[in-house]
Amino acid sequence: AKLVSSGERRLITCWAMGLTQHRNAVATIREVVNLHLMLGAIGRPGAGLCPVRGHSNVQGDRTVGVWEMMPESFLAALDKQAGITSPRKHGWDTVASILAMRRGEGKVFFGLGGNFAQATPDTDLTADALRKCRLTCHVSTKLNRSHLVTGKRALILPCLGRSDDDRGRSVTCENSMGVVQASRGRLTPVSDQMLSEPEIIARLGEAVVGDVGNIRWRWLAEDYDRIRDWIEAVVPGFENYNERVMKPGGFYLPNPAKERIWNTDTGKANFSAAELDAFKVKAGRFILQTLRSHDQFNTTVYGPHDRYRGISNGRRIVFMNPLDLGDLGIGPLQAVDLTSHWEDGERCAGNFLAIPYDMPRGMAAAYFPEANALVPVGSYAKGSNTPTSKSVEI
């Protein structure tokens, strides 16, 4: 009440996968937005909404067009700059891609970084889908387990990391706050034959489709300023890109909510409503969430320790309330098998050590990606298709 009456209304709500990886994730986040609208806590200093991404450039990918459903405005601007006509048919998101490969419709998997086979849900099903591809290709800074799951033909293309010296060139990235900054590596590459990701993509484009329209693949990849000039021409908010991004701290991209601009039919911020929706499991079963350990960076590097939770030398563990473990007759560090239940059947993952932990009864938690095998590919959030890794019945 004090915040509202004082006119300050300083409230920032941050969330991550704890909200997004549920069946009702979209409705839940809309309720967070409703709260901010009621308090007037959007579009003023010290107030707003902050979905936290785990990677420094997840937001940036979407901004420059790495999405299966880019709007017509973006495609039209891209066509004008490139002198081509880009496809308008929407593509596949992660879940749809897995299912398409499994059906045989997706014939080539090309991964630009990441650890797809481990990071995605339903590990065994995903591996089966990848093996049905005619070609799997990974552009990677380091080896990971996905390289072991191959199609009929497989390629591993080593590339420079962002910390490697790329002949003095700077890449640019966007963080979760919508800030675009320059990044220049300083480490000596392990080989003078290593290529950067832009160079690999350019050579691939040249080999597959050749120079078309205004696109000169090798010329663009020679100087990243040229690529940034193209981004400036296509994506709103990148005016004077090369000049602004080299300044310390970079620059903020436009944020309509910050400017109190509402891109709705009414021109005003709109409240939303949804029916109450709770994830319930059968008696005697538990709700499992997958989570990261402390010593874990994204999907490719993860160590055996978890300083957050006092765990050393172990990743194949399951946290549960001590009373629940007692009811089941399971002792500390006893090995157990986990079985998840979904409408299409059961999924199993064996040999997890039970850890008594201060958490609500009826809940369980295990590390990602070790427990991803229990997450059904067919269980995802309504409206976003995000796998429900925080709501798994076991």
Protein backbone atom coordinates (compact mmCIF):
# COMPACT_ATOMS: atom_id res chain seq x y z
CA ALA A 1 0.00 0.00 0.00
CA LYS A 2 2.85 2.36 0.77
CA LEU A 3 4.38 1.82 -2.65
CA VAL A 4 1.10 2.50 -4.42
CA SER A 5 0.20 5.58 -2.39
CA SER A 6 3.64 7.12 -2.69
CA GLY A 7 3.51 7.09 -6.46
CA GLU A 8 6.85 5.29 -6.70
CA ARG A 9 5.50 1.83 -7.53
CA ARG A 10 8.99 0.39 -7.71
CA LEU A 11 8.55 -3.33 -8.32
CA ILE A 12 10.59 -5.60 -10.57
CA THR A 13 9.55 -9.23 -10.95
CA CYS A 14 12.18 -11.66 -12.25
CA TRP A 15 11.44 -15.22 -13.24
CA ALA A 16 13.15 -18.05 -15.05
CA MET A 17 12.34 -21.68 -15.85
CA GLY A 18 10.60 -22.14 -12.52
CA LEU A 19 7.61 -20.38 -14.08
CA THR A 20 8.03 -21.21 -17.75
CA GLN A 21 8.31 -25.01 -17.55
CA HIS A 22 4.74 -25.79 -16.49
CA ARG A 23 1.57 -26.58 -18.42
CA ASN A 24 0.00 -23.30 -17.24
CA ALA A 25 3.20 -21.25 -17.67
CA VAL A 26 1.73 -18.65 -20.05
CA ALA A 27 -1.33 -18.03 -17.85
CA THR A 28 0.90 -17.79 -14.75
CA ILE A 29 3.19 -15.20 -16.32
CA ARG A 30 0.16 -13.24 -17.50
CA GLU A 31 -0.98 -13.11 -13.89
CA VAL A 32 2.39 -11.61 -12.97
CA VAL A 33 1.78 -9.00 -15.67
CA ASN A 34 -1.72 -8.37 -14.29
CA LEU A 35 -0.22 -7.64 -10.86
CA HIS A 36 2.17 -5.09 -12.33
CA LEU A 37 -0.62 -3.44 -14.29
CA MET A 38 -2.78 -3.14 -11.18
CA LEU A 39 0.11 -1.47 -9.32
CA GLY A 40 1.11 0.71 -12.23
CA ALA A 41 4.53 -0.93 -12.00
CA ILE A 42 5.38 -1.00 -15.71
CA GLY A 43 6.92 1.78 -17.74
CA ARG A 44 8.47 3.73 -14.90
CA PRO A 45 11.95 3.85 -13.33
CA GLY A 46 12.63 0.91 -11.03
CA ALA A 47 9.62 -1.07 -12.17
CA GLY A 48 8.96 -3.73 -14.76
CA LEU A 49 9.12 -7.36 -15.82
CA CYS A 50 12.32 -9.36 -16.23
CA PRO A 51 12.29 -12.86 -17.73
CA VAL A 52 15.81 -14.13 -16.98
CA ARG A 53 17.54 -16.14 -19.68
CA GLY A 54 20.37 -18.49 -18.85
CA HIS A 55 22.56 -17.63 -21.82
CA SER A 56 24.05 -14.29 -22.81
CA ASN A 57 22.49 -14.30 -26.27
CA VAL A 58 19.19 -16.19 -26.11
CA GLN A 59 17.36 -12.88 -26.36
CA GLY A 60 19.63 -11.73 -29.18
CA ASP A 61 18.87 -14.77 -31.32
CA ARG A 62 15.18 -13.95 -31.40
CA THR A 63 15.84 -10.26 -32.07
CA VAL A 64 17.74 -10.99 -35.28
CA GLY A 65 15.35 -13.61 -36.60
CA VAL A 66 16.24 -17.00 -35.10
CA TRP A 67 12.63 -18.03 -34.58
CA GLU A 68 10.28 -20.34 -36.45
CA MET A 69 7.47 -17.75 -36.63
CA MET A 70 9.03 -14.41 -37.58
CA PRO A 71 6.42 -11.75 -38.43
CA GLU A 72 5.81 -10.44 -41.94
CA SER A 73 7.35 -7.07 -41.11
CA PHE A 74 10.71 -8.71 -40.42
CA LEU A 75 10.57 -10.96 -43.48
CA ALA A 76 9.65 -8.06 -45.77
CA ALA A 77 12.57 -5.97 -44.47
CA LEU A 78 14.93 -8.92 -44.87
CA ASP A 79 13.75 -9.52 -48.45
CA LYS A 80 14.33 -5.87 -49.34
CA GLN A 81 17.86 -5.86 -47.96
CA ALA A 82 18.84 -9.27 -49.32
CA GLY A 83 17.09 -9.06 -52.69
CA ILE A 84 15.38 -12.41 -52.17
CA THR A 85 11.96 -13.81 -51.31
CA SER A 86 12.22 -15.69 -48.01
CA PRO A 87 9.83 -18.54 -47.11
CA ARG A 88 6.67 -17.51 -45.27
CA LYS A 89 5.68 -20.93 -44.00
CA HIS A 90 6.32 -21.27 -40.28
CA GLY A 91 8.92 -23.78 -39.16
CA TRP A 92 9.22 -26.12 -36.18
CA ASP A 93 10.07 -25.27 -32.60
CA THR A 94 12.15 -27.66 -30.48
CA VAL A 95 9.35 -30.08 -29.60
CA ALA A 96 7.94 -30.06 -33.13
CA SER A 97 11.44 -30.60 -34.57
CA ILE A 98 11.99 -33.69 -32.43
CA LEU A 99 8.68 -35.16 -33.55
CA ALA A 100 9.33 -34.25 -37.20
CA MET A 101 12.71 -36.00 -37.17
CA ARG A 102 11.10 -39.02 -35.56
CA ARG A 103 8.47 -39.12 -38.33
CA GLY A 104 11.15 -38.82 -40.98
CA GLU A 105 10.03 -35.36 -42.14
CA GLY A 106 13.07 -33.62 -40.63
CA LYS A 107 15.98 -35.16 -42.51
CA VAL A 108 18.90 -32.91 -41.53
CA PHE A 109 19.83 -31.70 -38.06
CA PHE A 110 22.19 -28.72 -37.93
CA GLY A 111 23.13 -27.50 -34.46
CA LEU A 112 24.87 -24.17 -34.02
CA GLY A 113 26.28 -24.77 -30.57
CA GLY A 114 24.38 -26.43 -27.75
CA ASN A 115 23.98 -30.01 -26.62
CA PHE A 116 20.64 -30.89 -28.21
CA ALA A 117 20.35 -34.57 -27.31
CA GLN A 118 20.98 -33.81 -23.64
CA ALA A 119 19.24 -30.46 -23.24
CA THR A 120 15.90 -31.44 -24.74
CA PRO A 121 13.15 -33.48 -23.03
CA ASP A 122 12.54 -37.19 -23.46
CA THR A 123 16.19 -38.19 -23.95
CA ASP A 124 15.62 -41.65 -25.44
CA LEU A 125 12.93 -40.46 -27.85
CA THR A 126 15.07 -37.49 -28.93
CA ALA A 127 18.06 -39.76 -29.56
CA ASP A 128 15.86 -42.05 -31.66
CA ALA A 129 14.69 -39.03 -33.67
CA LEU A 130 18.24 -37.82 -34.33
CA ARG A 131 19.35 -41.27 -35.49
CA LYS A 132 16.66 -41.21 -38.19
CA CYS A 133 18.20 -38.14 -39.84
CA ARG A 134 20.19 -38.48 -43.05
CA LEU A 135 22.72 -36.00 -41.67
CA THR A 136 23.49 -34.58 -38.23
CA CYS A 137 25.97 -31.70 -37.95
CA HIS A 138 27.21 -29.89 -34.83
CA VAL A 139 29.11 -26.61 -34.85
CA SER A 140 30.80 -26.74 -31.46
CA THR A 141 33.44 -25.12 -29.26
CA LYS A 142 33.92 -28.35 -27.29
CA LEU A 143 32.91 -32.00 -27.39
CA ASN A 144 29.65 -33.06 -25.74
CA ARG A 145 27.41 -36.12 -25.58
CA SER A 146 25.19 -35.03 -28.50
CA HIS A 147 28.11 -35.78 -30.82
CA LEU A 148 27.67 -39.46 -29.97
CA VAL A 149 24.06 -39.51 -31.24
CA THR A 150 24.32 -39.39 -35.02
CA GLY A 151 22.28 -39.68 -38.15
CA LYS A 152 23.33 -41.85 -41.08
CA ARG A 153 26.11 -39.34 -41.70
CA ALA A 154 27.55 -37.05 -39.05
CA LEU A 155 29.83 -34.03 -38.91
CA ILE A 156 31.48 -32.16 -36.05
CA LEU A 157 32.66 -28.69 -37.07
CA PRO A 158 34.93 -27.16 -34.40
CA CYS A 159 34.63 -23.39 -34.17
CA LEU A 160 36.09 -20.43 -32.33
CA GLY A 161 34.57 -19.62 -28.97
CA ARG A 162 33.59 -16.10 -28.02
CA SER A 163 36.66 -15.95 -25.77
CA ASP A 164 39.01 -16.80 -28.69
CA ASP A 165 40.85 -14.14 -30.68
CA ASP A 166 38.96 -13.90 -33.99
CA ARG A 167 41.64 -11.95 -35.87
CA GLY A 168 40.77 -8.94 -33.74
CA ARG A 169 37.13 -8.90 -34.81
CA SER A 170 34.30 -8.21 -32.39
CA VAL A 171 31.01 -10.06 -32.28
CA THR A 172 27.99 -8.51 -30.58
CA CYS A 173 25.44 -10.02 -28.26
CA GLU A 174 22.26 -9.03 -26.44
CA ASN A 175 21.69 -9.82 -22.77
CA SER A 176 18.47 -10.46 -20.86
CA MET A 177 18.03 -6.75 -20.21
CA GLY A 178 17.92 -5.90 -23.92
CA VAL A 179 21.43 -4.40 -23.87
CA VAL A 180 23.55 -4.96 -27.00
CA GLN A 181 27.31 -5.05 -26.37
CA ALA A 182 30.51 -5.84 -28.22
CA SER A 183 32.55 -8.91 -27.30
CA ARG A 184 36.13 -9.50 -28.41
CA GLY A 185 38.02 -12.68 -27.56
CA ARG A 186 41.63 -12.59 -26.36
CA LEU A 187 42.65 -16.24 -26.05
CA THR A 188 44.90 -17.87 -28.63
CA PRO A 189 42.84 -20.40 -30.66
CA VAL A 190 43.84 -24.05 -30.38
CA SER A 191 44.45 -24.12 -34.14
CA ASP A 192 45.03 -21.55 -36.86
CA GLN A 193 42.52 -23.52 -38.97
CA MET A 194 39.61 -22.80 -36.63
CA LEU A 195 36.77 -20.82 -38.20
CA SER A 196 34.25 -18.57 -36.51
CA GLU A 197 30.55 -19.34 -36.52
CA PRO A 198 29.77 -16.53 -39.02
CA GLU A 199 32.44 -17.89 -41.38
CA ILE A 200 31.08 -21.44 -41.14
CA ILE A 201 27.55 -20.24 -41.86
CA ALA A 202 28.78 -18.11 -44.77
CA ARG A 203 30.66 -21.02 -46.35
CA LEU A 204 27.64 -23.25 -45.86
CA GLY A 205 25.37 -20.67 -47.54
CA GLU A 206 27.82 -20.30 -50.41
CA ALA A 207 28.02 -24.06 -50.91
CA VAL A 208 24.29 -24.79 -50.65
CA VAL A 209 22.59 -21.84 -52.39
CA GLY A 210 25.45 -19.67 -53.65
CA ASP A 211 25.48 -15.89 -53.88
CA VAL A 212 21.91 -14.82 -54.61
CA GLY A 213 20.21 -11.44 -54.74
CA ASN A 214 22.36 -8.99 -52.80
CA ILE A 215 23.96 -11.72 -50.67
CA ARG A 216 27.71 -12.19 -51.00
CA TRP A 217 28.40 -14.74 -48.32
CA ARG A 218 32.21 -14.57 -48.02
CA TRP A 219 32.23 -10.77 -48.32
CA LEU A 220 29.78 -10.44 -45.43
CA ALA A 221 31.74 -12.81 -43.20
CA GLU A 222 35.06 -11.06 -43.82
CA ASP A 223 34.01 -8.01 -41.80
CA TYR A 224 31.39 -8.30 -39.06
CA ASP A 225 30.64 -4.56 -39.44
CA ARG A 226 29.02 -5.51 -42.76
CA ILE A 227 26.74 -8.02 -41.03
CA ARG A 228 25.83 -5.37 -38.45
CA ASP A 229 24.99 -2.96 -41.26
CA TRP A 230 22.52 -5.55 -42.56
CA ILE A 231 21.00 -6.00 -39.11
CA GLU A 232 20.61 -2.22 -38.87
CA ALA A 233 18.75 -2.21 -42.19
CA VAL A 234 16.38 -5.02 -41.19
CA VAL A 235 15.74 -4.82 -37.44
CA PRO A 236 14.20 -1.71 -35.80
CA GLY A 237 16.22 -0.20 -32.96
CA PHE A 238 19.69 -0.78 -34.45
CA GLU A 239 20.26 2.70 -35.88
CA ASN A 240 24.00 3.58 -36.03
CA TYR A 241 24.68 0.03 -34.86
CA ASN A 242 28.42 -0.15 -35.45
CA GLU A 243 29.03 3.21 -33.79
CA ARG A 244 26.85 2.69 -30.72
CA VAL A 245 27.82 -0.91 -29.95
CA MET A 246 31.51 -0.05 -29.59
CA LYS A 247 30.87 2.41 -26.79
CA PRO A 248 31.45 1.07 -23.25
CA GLY A 249 28.30 -0.63 -21.98
CA GLY A 250 26.68 -0.83 -25.42
CA PHE A 251 23.12 0.37 -25.88
CA TYR A 252 19.54 -0.52 -24.98
CA LEU A 253 17.13 -1.74 -27.62
CA PRO A 254 13.67 -0.15 -27.73
CA ASN A 255 11.26 -1.55 -25.15
CA PRO A 256 7.62 -0.57 -25.86
CA ALA A 257 6.47 -1.29 -22.31
CA LYS A 258 9.27 0.88 -20.94
CA GLU A 259 8.01 3.72 -23.14
CA ARG A 260 4.40 2.93 -22.19
CA ILE A 261 3.58 1.97 -25.77
CA TRP A 262 1.06 -0.85 -25.96
CA ASN A 263 0.90 -2.77 -29.23
CA THR A 264 -2.68 -3.90 -28.75
CA ASP A 265 -5.94 -3.33 -30.63
CA THR A 266 -7.00 -0.75 -28.03
CA GLY A 267 -3.64 0.97 -27.78
CA LYS A 268 -3.76 0.35 -24.04
CA ALA A 269 -2.34 -2.29 -21.71
CA ASN A 270 -4.85 -5.13 -21.46
CA PHE A 271 -5.52 -7.43 -18.52
CA SER A 272 -5.87 -11.16 -19.17
CA ALA A 273 -7.84 -13.93 -17.53
CA ALA A 274 -7.49 -17.70 -17.42
CA GLU A 275 -9.15 -20.59 -15.66
CA LEU A 276 -7.41 -21.97 -12.59
CA ASP A 277 -5.22 -24.89 -13.56
CA ALA A 278 -3.27 -27.07 -11.11
CA PHE A 279 -1.01 -30.00 -11.89
CA LYS A 280 -2.17 -32.98 -9.85
CA VAL A 281 -0.82 -36.50 -9.64
CA LYS A 282 -2.27 -39.79 -8.46
CA ALA A 283 -2.03 -40.78 -4.82
CA GLY A 284 1.36 -42.18 -3.93
CA ARG A 285 3.13 -40.34 -6.74
CA PHE A 286 5.26 -37.21 -6.73
CA ILE A 287 5.82 -34.06 -8.77
CA LEU A 288 9.38 -33.96 -10.10
CA GLN A 289 11.21 -30.86 -11.24
CA THR A 290 14.55 -30.88 -13.03
CA LEU A 291 17.06 -28.22 -12.01
CA ARG A 292 20.66 -27.12 -12.45
CA SER A 293 23.50 -27.63 -10.03
CA HIS A 294 25.82 -24.81 -9.01
CA ASP A 295 28.75 -26.09 -11.08
CA GLN A 296 26.84 -26.15 -14.32
CA PHE A 297 27.03 -23.81 -17.29
CA ASN A 298 24.16 -24.07 -19.74
CA THR A 299 24.03 -27.43 -21.51
CA THR A 300 27.63 -28.30 -22.33
CA VAL A 301 29.67 -28.04 -19.12
CA TYR A 302 28.51 -29.45 -15.82
CA GLY A 303 30.60 -30.58 -12.87
CA PRO A 304 29.94 -33.07 -10.04
CA HIS A 305 29.46 -30.50 -7.27
CA ASP A 306 26.51 -28.35 -6.17
CA ARG A 307 27.49 -25.71 -3.65
CA TYR A 308 23.92 -24.39 -3.63
CA ARG A 309 22.68 -27.56 -1.95
CA GLY A 310 25.78 -29.00 -0.26
CA ILE A 311 26.32 -31.84 -2.74
CA SER A 312 29.76 -33.14 -3.70
CA ASN A 313 30.82 -35.73 -6.25
CA GLY A 314 27.38 -36.66 -7.51
CA ARG A 315 24.82 -35.74 -10.12
CA ARG A 316 22.59 -38.79 -10.34
CA ILE A 317 20.59 -37.95 -7.22
CA VAL A 318 16.98 -37.19 -6.31
CA PHE A 319 15.98 -34.73 -3.56
CA MET A 320 12.86 -35.54 -1.51
CA ASN A 321 11.27 -34.56 1.79
CA PRO A 322 12.62 -36.79 4.62
CA LEU A 323 9.07 -37.72 5.68
CA ASP A 324 8.21 -38.87 2.17
CA LEU A 325 11.35 -40.98 2.04
CA GLY A 326 10.46 -42.44 5.44
CA ASP A 327 6.95 -43.36 4.24
CA LEU A 328 8.51 -45.16 1.28
CA GLY A 329 11.05 -46.95 3.46
CA ILE A 330 13.92 -45.35 1.58
CA GLY A 331 17.07 -44.44 3.50
CA PRO A 332 19.57 -41.64 2.78
CA LEU A 333 21.81 -42.36 -0.21
CA GLN A 334 19.79 -45.46 -1.09
CA ALA A 335 19.74 -46.14 -4.82
CA VAL A 336 16.30 -45.88 -6.44
CA ASP A 337 14.83 -46.03 -9.92
CA LEU A 338 12.53 -43.24 -11.10
CA THR A 339 9.53 -43.83 -13.36
CA SER A 340 7.51 -41.01 -14.92
CA HIS A 341 3.90 -41.40 -16.04
CA TRP A 342 2.30 -39.77 -19.06
CA GLU A 343 -0.66 -40.51 -21.30
CA ASP A 344 1.57 -42.38 -23.79
CA GLY A 345 3.19 -44.64 -21.20
CA GLU A 346 6.05 -44.76 -18.71
CA ARG A 347 9.65 -43.57 -18.86
CA CYS A 348 12.39 -44.87 -16.58
CA ALA A 349 15.74 -43.64 -15.32
CA GLY A 350 17.72 -45.85 -12.98
CA ASN A 351 20.19 -45.63 -10.13
CA PHE A 352 19.51 -42.27 -8.48
CA LEU A 353 20.68 -41.73 -4.90
CA ALA A 354 17.94 -40.49 -2.53
CA ILE A 355 18.85 -37.28 -0.68
CA PRO A 356 16.66 -36.04 2.24
CA TYR A 357 16.09 -32.32 1.67
CA ASP A 358 14.07 -29.50 3.18
CA MET A 359 11.32 -29.22 0.54
CA PRO A 360 7.52 -29.55 0.40
CA ARG A 361 6.01 -32.98 0.76
CA GLY A 362 4.91 -34.60 -2.46
CA MET A 363 7.75 -32.98 -4.41
CA ALA A 364 11.00 -34.33 -5.86
CA ALA A 365 13.91 -32.76 -7.70
CA ALA A 366 16.73 -34.12 -9.85
CA TYR A 367 19.44 -32.60 -11.99
CA PHE A 368 19.16 -31.70 -15.64
CA PRO A 369 20.14 -33.37 -17.98
CA GLU A 370 20.34 -36.63 -16.02
CA ALA A 371 16.57 -36.60 -15.38
CA ASN A 372 15.54 -35.35 -18.83
CA ALA A 373 14.75 -38.91 -19.83
CA LEU A 374 11.68 -38.66 -17.55
CA VAL A 375 10.23 -35.52 -19.22
CA PRO A 376 7.60 -36.48 -21.84
CA VAL A 377 8.03 -34.68 -25.16
CA GLY A 378 4.22 -34.47 -25.40
CA SER A 379 3.86 -32.50 -22.16
CA TYR A 380 4.36 -28.80 -22.80
CA ALA A 381 3.04 -25.39 -21.85
CA LYS A 382 -0.19 -24.21 -23.42
CA GLY A 383 0.60 -21.37 -25.78
CA SER A 384 4.38 -21.65 -25.84
CA ASN A 385 5.21 -25.36 -26.31
CA THR A 386 7.87 -25.18 -23.59
CA PRO A 387 8.50 -28.68 -22.15
CA THR A 388 7.04 -29.07 -18.65
CA SER A 389 10.29 -29.98 -16.93
CA LYS A 390 9.01 -28.65 -13.60
CA SER A 391 5.83 -30.76 -13.64
CA VAL A 392 6.64 -34.42 -14.14
CA GLU A 393 4.57 -37.14 -12.45
CA ILE A 394 6.82 -39.85 -11.00
